[in-house]
Amino acid sequence: MKKRNYTTGRILFTLLALVWGSLAVSADDYYRVISEGVETAVIAGSTIDSVKMEAGDLKFYNGNTAVRTQTSCGCSVEITTGDPVDLTGITLDVTSATLFVNDKLTLTATKVPANANNYNSEWSVTPEGIVTVTQTGEVTAVAAGEATVTVKSGEIEASATLTVATPAQLDKTGWVMDSYDVKGIGVEVPDRTPDKMIDPLDTSGQWAVRSMWHATWGAAVALPFWFIIDMQESHLISQYKIYIPEETINDLSLKTGYFEVSDDKQTWNKKVEFDITEPLASDWTVEALPQTSGRYIRFTISTAQEGANRLAISSLEVFGH
């Protein structure tokens, strides 16, 4: 079996159209069109007598009639002389996985046998609304539930079962306040220190668990403040929730800030910003998707609500796995 390979690219479209011209082929040739690494078509040579580049597109001609146009974006054409090789199977590198909303996963399909030249993949998902899939196998989680992603060529197919889970609230037992910006502490009171932020949540929303910092009382305690929390082991984080004591939200409220995650306290990843637009809210959820893993969380408060003299947080909860 003899092969001839032709590769095109965006920059060379015009040049190739001028110098390549028409490529004569025989009736027993078969074409595998590969666009950006994905096979998009197999064309029997009996319907083709020439291949041309026109206006950046790859066109297959029977006489003067274009029988197929392949829009090229980094496209290659493999012309194989000989008998077609039938597809007997498809395998996927992942057959089951658990994702969280906004997670991405690329599924790779492999044809069997590897030299099959009648393979033309088509991706689909059922039911809709849980994940999406592109024609290159890239999956994006959209909502909680279970979905089946299928790649099919003719009557042959392979499937993967994907579960989109809801993030769980992490157990804070053993967590410690590794360090914090001491200038942010207005008054050191035993039950109002930053480590209280990682104590178990008081569901009553009262002052049983709290931290308090002056927000605007002089330059010595000016924002921003930061706090580094050691979770003792690495977690994959997808969400934060900030709780503000209900009895104090009228004058003790933060506005903007961000979260970062690290494994070594040297390199901080995934700056997740928040802006609390409802100053009287008793809790505020901050999405951290796609997820980022790490042992340490750095929580920075950048600004307070207008007119707020102090900041109070009863608890910081973290979700993920």
Protein backbone atom coordinates (compact mmCIF):
# COMPACT_ATOMS: atom_id res chain seq x y z
CA MET A 1 0.00 0.00 0.00
CA LYS A 2 1.45 3.35 -1.06
CA LYS A 3 0.81 6.68 0.70
CA ARG A 4 1.23 10.27 -0.36
CA ASN A 5 0.87 12.96 2.31
CA TYR A 6 0.08 16.61 1.74
CA THR A 7 -0.04 19.14 4.55
CA THR A 8 -1.52 22.63 4.42
CA GLY A 9 -1.50 25.50 6.90
CA ARG A 10 -3.14 28.88 7.35
CA ILE A 11 -0.04 30.86 6.38
CA LEU A 12 0.61 28.77 3.27
CA PHE A 13 -2.91 28.73 1.85
CA THR A 14 -2.31 31.38 -0.79
CA LEU A 15 1.13 30.09 -1.72
CA LEU A 16 -0.05 26.51 -2.03
CA ALA A 17 -3.00 27.55 -4.13
CA LEU A 18 -0.57 29.14 -6.56
CA VAL A 19 2.12 26.48 -6.74
CA TRP A 20 0.29 23.23 -6.02
CA GLY A 21 -2.50 23.65 -8.52
CA SER A 22 -4.25 20.38 -9.31
CA LEU A 23 -3.16 16.94 -8.13
CA ALA A 24 -4.23 14.11 -10.42
CA VAL A 25 -5.26 10.88 -8.70
CA SER A 26 -6.42 7.43 -9.71
CA ALA A 27 -9.68 5.60 -9.06
CA ASP A 28 -8.22 3.34 -6.39
CA ASP A 29 -6.97 6.17 -4.20
CA TYR A 30 -8.54 6.86 -0.81
CA TYR A 31 -8.31 10.15 1.06
CA ARG A 32 -8.09 10.70 4.82
CA VAL A 33 -8.65 14.39 5.62
CA ILE A 34 -7.15 15.31 9.00
CA SER A 35 -7.99 18.75 10.37
CA GLU A 36 -6.16 19.87 13.54
CA GLY A 37 -5.42 16.28 14.46
CA VAL A 38 -8.96 14.96 13.96
CA GLU A 39 -9.95 12.85 10.96
CA THR A 40 -12.96 14.47 9.35
CA ALA A 41 -13.52 12.55 6.09
CA VAL A 42 -12.60 9.52 4.02
CA ILE A 43 -13.20 9.95 0.30
CA ALA A 44 -13.03 7.22 -2.32
CA GLY A 45 -10.87 8.06 -5.31
CA SER A 46 -13.48 6.83 -7.78
CA THR A 47 -15.32 10.13 -7.37
CA ILE A 48 -12.19 12.29 -7.53
CA ASP A 49 -9.84 13.12 -10.34
CA SER A 50 -8.09 16.15 -8.86
CA VAL A 51 -7.41 17.96 -5.59
CA LYS A 52 -6.97 21.74 -5.48
CA MET A 53 -6.45 24.56 -3.00
CA GLU A 54 -8.89 27.41 -3.60
CA ALA A 55 -9.27 30.49 -1.37
CA GLY A 56 -7.84 28.62 1.57
CA ASP A 57 -10.12 25.61 1.15
CA LEU A 58 -9.16 22.11 0.07
CA LYS A 59 -11.46 20.99 -2.79
CA PHE A 60 -11.95 17.57 -4.34
CA TYR A 61 -13.06 17.61 -7.99
CA ASN A 62 -14.75 15.21 -10.39
CA GLY A 63 -14.07 16.96 -13.66
CA ASN A 64 -15.13 20.56 -13.14
CA THR A 65 -17.52 19.76 -10.31
CA ALA A 66 -16.39 20.17 -6.71
CA VAL A 67 -17.66 17.06 -4.93
CA ARG A 68 -16.38 18.12 -1.51
CA THR A 69 -14.92 21.20 0.13
CA GLN A 70 -12.77 20.82 3.24
CA THR A 71 -12.25 24.11 5.05
CA SER A 72 -8.64 23.88 6.13
CA CYS A 73 -7.31 24.98 9.49
CA GLY A 74 -3.99 23.25 9.74
CA CYS A 75 -5.25 20.46 7.46
CA SER A 76 -3.45 17.44 6.03
CA VAL A 77 -4.53 15.00 3.33
CA GLU A 78 -3.29 11.44 3.20
CA ILE A 79 -3.81 9.71 -0.15
CA THR A 80 -3.62 5.92 0.11
CA THR A 81 -3.41 3.66 -2.92
CA GLY A 82 -4.92 0.23 -2.38
CA ASP A 83 -8.01 -1.45 -0.98
CA PRO A 84 -10.00 0.22 1.80
CA VAL A 85 -9.54 -1.12 5.35
CA ASP A 86 -12.81 -1.50 7.22
CA LEU A 87 -13.30 -0.15 10.74
CA THR A 88 -14.03 -2.94 13.25
CA GLY A 89 -14.09 -1.03 16.53
CA ILE A 90 -13.54 2.20 18.50
CA THR A 91 -12.00 2.52 21.96
CA LEU A 92 -12.06 5.48 24.36
CA ASP A 93 -9.21 6.30 26.75
CA VAL A 94 -11.78 7.10 29.48
CA THR A 95 -14.96 5.09 29.96
CA SER A 96 -16.14 6.64 33.25
CA ALA A 97 -15.25 9.75 35.25
CA THR A 98 -16.59 12.13 37.88
CA LEU A 99 -16.51 15.86 37.15
CA PHE A 100 -17.71 19.05 38.80
CA VAL A 101 -19.52 21.92 37.07
CA ASN A 102 -17.24 23.74 34.59
CA ASP A 103 -14.64 20.97 34.66
CA LYS A 104 -13.25 19.96 31.27
CA LEU A 105 -12.16 16.52 30.04
CA THR A 106 -10.84 15.56 26.61
CA LEU A 107 -11.83 12.08 25.45
CA THR A 108 -9.54 10.40 22.92
CA ALA A 109 -11.02 7.89 20.49
CA THR A 110 -8.82 5.25 18.85
CA LYS A 111 -9.98 3.41 15.76
CA VAL A 112 -9.50 -0.33 15.33
CA PRO A 113 -7.59 -1.27 13.27
CA ALA A 114 -5.29 1.74 13.28
CA ASN A 115 -5.12 1.81 9.45
CA ALA A 116 -8.89 1.73 8.93
CA ASN A 117 -9.70 4.27 6.21
CA ASN A 118 -13.48 4.40 6.46
CA TYR A 119 -13.55 6.10 9.87
CA ASN A 120 -15.55 9.32 10.22
CA SER A 121 -16.19 10.17 13.90
CA GLU A 122 -19.31 11.88 15.24
CA TRP A 123 -19.67 12.82 18.92
CA SER A 124 -22.95 13.11 20.84
CA VAL A 125 -24.25 13.19 24.41
CA THR A 126 -27.44 11.96 26.12
CA PRO A 127 -29.28 13.36 27.94
CA GLU A 128 -28.54 16.96 27.07
CA GLY A 129 -27.90 19.63 29.69
CA ILE A 130 -25.44 17.77 31.95
CA VAL A 131 -22.29 17.90 29.81
CA THR A 132 -21.48 19.21 26.36
CA VAL A 133 -19.08 17.61 23.87
CA THR A 134 -17.36 19.02 20.80
CA GLN A 135 -16.51 17.13 17.62
CA THR A 136 -12.95 16.86 18.92
CA GLY A 137 -14.06 15.04 22.09
CA GLU A 138 -13.73 17.94 24.55
CA VAL A 139 -16.28 17.60 27.33
CA THR A 140 -17.48 20.44 29.60
CA ALA A 141 -19.53 19.74 32.73
CA VAL A 142 -22.64 21.93 32.88
CA ALA A 143 -24.94 20.66 35.64
CA ALA A 144 -25.16 17.87 38.23
CA GLY A 145 -26.29 14.50 36.91
CA GLU A 146 -25.13 11.58 34.78
CA ALA A 147 -24.63 11.58 31.01
CA THR A 148 -23.31 9.27 28.31
CA VAL A 149 -20.90 10.60 25.71
CA THR A 150 -20.75 8.54 22.51
CA VAL A 151 -18.39 8.59 19.55
CA LYS A 152 -19.76 6.85 16.47
CA SER A 153 -18.61 5.98 12.96
CA GLY A 154 -21.25 4.28 10.87
CA GLU A 155 -22.72 1.55 13.04
CA ILE A 156 -19.68 1.26 15.31
CA GLU A 157 -19.53 3.26 18.53
CA ALA A 158 -17.95 3.61 21.97
CA SER A 159 -19.29 5.38 25.05
CA ALA A 160 -18.17 6.95 28.33
CA THR A 161 -20.38 7.45 31.39
CA LEU A 162 -19.73 10.79 33.08
CA THR A 163 -21.06 11.89 36.46
CA VAL A 164 -21.21 15.57 37.34
CA ALA A 165 -21.16 15.80 41.14
CA THR A 166 -22.05 18.54 43.60
CA PRO A 167 -19.00 19.77 45.59
CA ALA A 168 -18.97 18.68 49.24
CA GLN A 169 -18.24 20.94 52.20
CA LEU A 170 -14.74 20.12 53.45
CA ASP A 171 -14.19 19.05 57.06
CA LYS A 172 -12.03 21.74 58.72
CA THR A 173 -10.87 19.52 61.59
CA GLY A 174 -7.14 20.04 62.05
CA TRP A 175 -6.94 23.16 59.89
CA VAL A 176 -4.81 25.98 61.30
CA MET A 177 -4.33 29.67 60.60
CA ASP A 178 -0.77 29.49 59.27
CA SER A 179 -0.16 33.25 59.24
CA TYR A 180 -1.93 36.55 58.73
CA ASP A 181 -1.29 40.24 58.20
CA VAL A 182 -1.04 41.43 61.81
CA LYS A 183 -1.61 45.08 60.89
CA GLY A 184 -5.15 44.03 60.12
CA ILE A 185 -5.98 43.21 63.73
CA GLY A 186 -7.51 46.23 65.41
CA VAL A 187 -7.99 44.81 68.90
CA GLU A 188 -6.68 41.44 70.07
CA VAL A 189 -9.62 39.83 71.83
CA PRO A 190 -9.43 36.04 72.52
CA ASP A 191 -12.68 35.22 70.73
CA ARG A 192 -12.13 37.62 67.83
CA THR A 193 -8.87 36.39 66.30
CA PRO A 194 -8.56 35.16 62.69
CA ASP A 195 -8.20 31.49 63.66
CA LYS A 196 -11.87 31.55 64.66
CA MET A 197 -12.65 31.85 60.97
CA ILE A 198 -11.79 28.16 60.49
CA ASP A 199 -13.64 26.86 63.56
CA PRO A 200 -16.81 24.83 62.89
CA LEU A 201 -19.61 26.98 61.54
CA ASP A 202 -22.12 28.26 64.10
CA THR A 203 -25.36 27.73 62.20
CA SER A 204 -27.17 30.28 64.40
CA GLY A 205 -25.20 33.01 62.62
CA GLN A 206 -24.44 34.74 65.91
CA TRP A 207 -21.12 35.86 67.40
CA ALA A 208 -20.09 32.48 68.81
CA VAL A 209 -17.45 32.15 66.10
CA ARG A 210 -16.07 35.37 64.75
CA SER A 211 -13.12 37.52 63.75
CA MET A 212 -13.08 41.31 63.65
CA TRP A 213 -10.66 43.78 62.06
CA HIS A 214 -10.78 47.54 61.82
CA ALA A 215 -11.24 48.54 58.20
CA THR A 216 -10.80 52.32 58.13
CA TRP A 217 -9.41 53.37 61.52
CA GLY A 218 -6.15 54.92 60.41
CA ALA A 219 -3.33 54.05 58.06
CA ALA A 220 -1.77 51.54 60.45
CA VAL A 221 -4.67 49.13 59.88
CA ALA A 222 -5.53 50.02 56.31
CA LEU A 223 -6.72 47.35 53.87
CA PRO A 224 -5.80 45.00 52.31
CA PHE A 225 -5.56 42.22 54.93
CA TRP A 226 -4.52 38.65 54.15
CA PHE A 227 -4.76 35.29 55.90
CA ILE A 228 -3.10 31.97 55.03
CA ILE A 229 -4.97 28.82 56.04
CA ASP A 230 -3.20 25.44 56.22
CA MET A 231 -5.61 22.59 55.38
CA GLN A 232 -2.88 20.03 56.29
CA GLU A 233 -3.36 18.21 52.96
CA SER A 234 -4.13 19.08 49.37
CA HIS A 235 -7.75 19.50 48.31
CA LEU A 236 -9.39 20.18 44.96
CA ILE A 237 -11.36 23.38 45.62
CA SER A 238 -14.43 24.43 43.69
CA GLN A 239 -16.19 26.91 45.96
CA TYR A 240 -15.78 29.20 49.00
CA LYS A 241 -18.53 30.56 51.23
CA ILE A 242 -18.00 33.57 53.49
CA TYR A 243 -20.33 33.93 56.50
CA ILE A 244 -20.89 37.33 58.11
CA PRO A 245 -22.47 37.61 61.61
CA GLU A 246 -26.11 38.49 61.10
CA GLU A 247 -26.19 40.91 64.01
CA THR A 248 -23.33 42.97 62.60
CA ILE A 249 -23.94 43.22 58.87
CA ASN A 250 -25.16 46.81 59.13
CA ASP A 251 -21.70 48.21 59.82
CA LEU A 252 -19.25 45.28 59.59
CA SER A 253 -19.10 44.17 55.99
CA LEU A 254 -16.37 43.38 53.48
CA LYS A 255 -16.74 44.13 49.78
CA THR A 256 -13.94 42.88 47.50
CA GLY A 257 -11.08 40.43 47.75
CA TYR A 258 -9.74 37.19 46.36
CA PHE A 259 -8.63 33.63 47.11
CA GLU A 260 -5.45 31.88 45.98
CA VAL A 261 -4.24 28.30 46.43
CA SER A 262 -0.72 26.90 46.83
CA ASP A 263 1.11 23.69 47.76
CA ASP A 264 4.24 25.43 49.05
CA LYS A 265 3.27 29.05 49.94
CA GLN A 266 5.70 30.18 47.24
CA THR A 267 3.70 29.78 44.05
CA TRP A 268 0.08 30.92 44.33
CA ASN A 269 -2.41 29.79 41.69
CA LYS A 270 -5.92 30.58 40.58
CA LYS A 271 -6.76 34.09 41.77
CA VAL A 272 -10.53 33.89 42.41
CA GLU A 273 -11.95 37.36 42.96
CA PHE A 274 -15.20 38.31 44.67
CA ASP A 275 -17.26 41.50 44.89
CA ILE A 276 -20.09 41.47 47.42
CA THR A 277 -22.81 43.53 45.77
CA GLU A 278 -25.37 43.01 48.55
CA PRO A 279 -23.78 44.57 51.67
CA LEU A 280 -26.45 43.20 54.02
CA ALA A 281 -25.97 39.57 52.97
CA SER A 282 -25.17 37.16 55.82
CA ASP A 283 -23.27 34.81 53.49
CA TRP A 284 -21.63 35.04 50.10
CA THR A 285 -20.67 32.19 47.75
CA VAL A 286 -17.53 32.49 45.62
CA GLU A 287 -17.19 30.02 42.75
CA ALA A 288 -13.66 28.69 42.10
CA LEU A 289 -14.13 26.90 38.80
CA PRO A 290 -12.48 25.21 37.09
CA GLN A 291 -11.17 23.62 40.25
CA THR A 292 -7.66 24.20 41.60
CA SER A 293 -5.83 21.99 44.06
CA GLY A 294 -3.50 22.94 46.90
CA ARG A 295 -2.80 22.67 50.62
CA TYR A 296 -2.80 26.38 51.50
CA ILE A 297 -5.48 29.03 50.94
CA ARG A 298 -4.56 32.70 50.92
CA PHE A 299 -7.64 34.83 51.61
CA THR A 300 -7.16 38.54 50.86
CA ILE A 301 -9.67 41.28 51.74
CA SER A 302 -9.15 44.27 49.45
CA THR A 303 -11.93 46.73 50.30
CA ALA A 304 -14.83 47.21 52.70
CA GLN A 305 -18.36 48.38 51.98
CA GLU A 306 -18.64 52.15 51.82
CA GLY A 307 -18.85 53.62 55.32
CA ALA A 308 -17.88 50.38 57.10
CA ASN A 309 -15.53 51.01 60.02
CA ARG A 310 -14.87 47.35 60.74
CA LEU A 311 -15.01 43.92 59.11
CA ALA A 312 -16.44 40.78 60.65
CA ILE A 313 -16.47 37.19 59.38
CA SER A 314 -18.02 34.42 61.41
CA SER A 315 -16.72 31.58 59.24
CA LEU A 316 -15.07 30.63 55.98
CA GLU A 317 -16.33 27.37 54.47
CA VAL A 318 -14.59 25.57 51.59
CA PHE A 319 -16.18 23.12 49.13
CA GLY A 320 -14.53 20.54 46.91
CA HIS A 321 -12.96 17.15 47.50
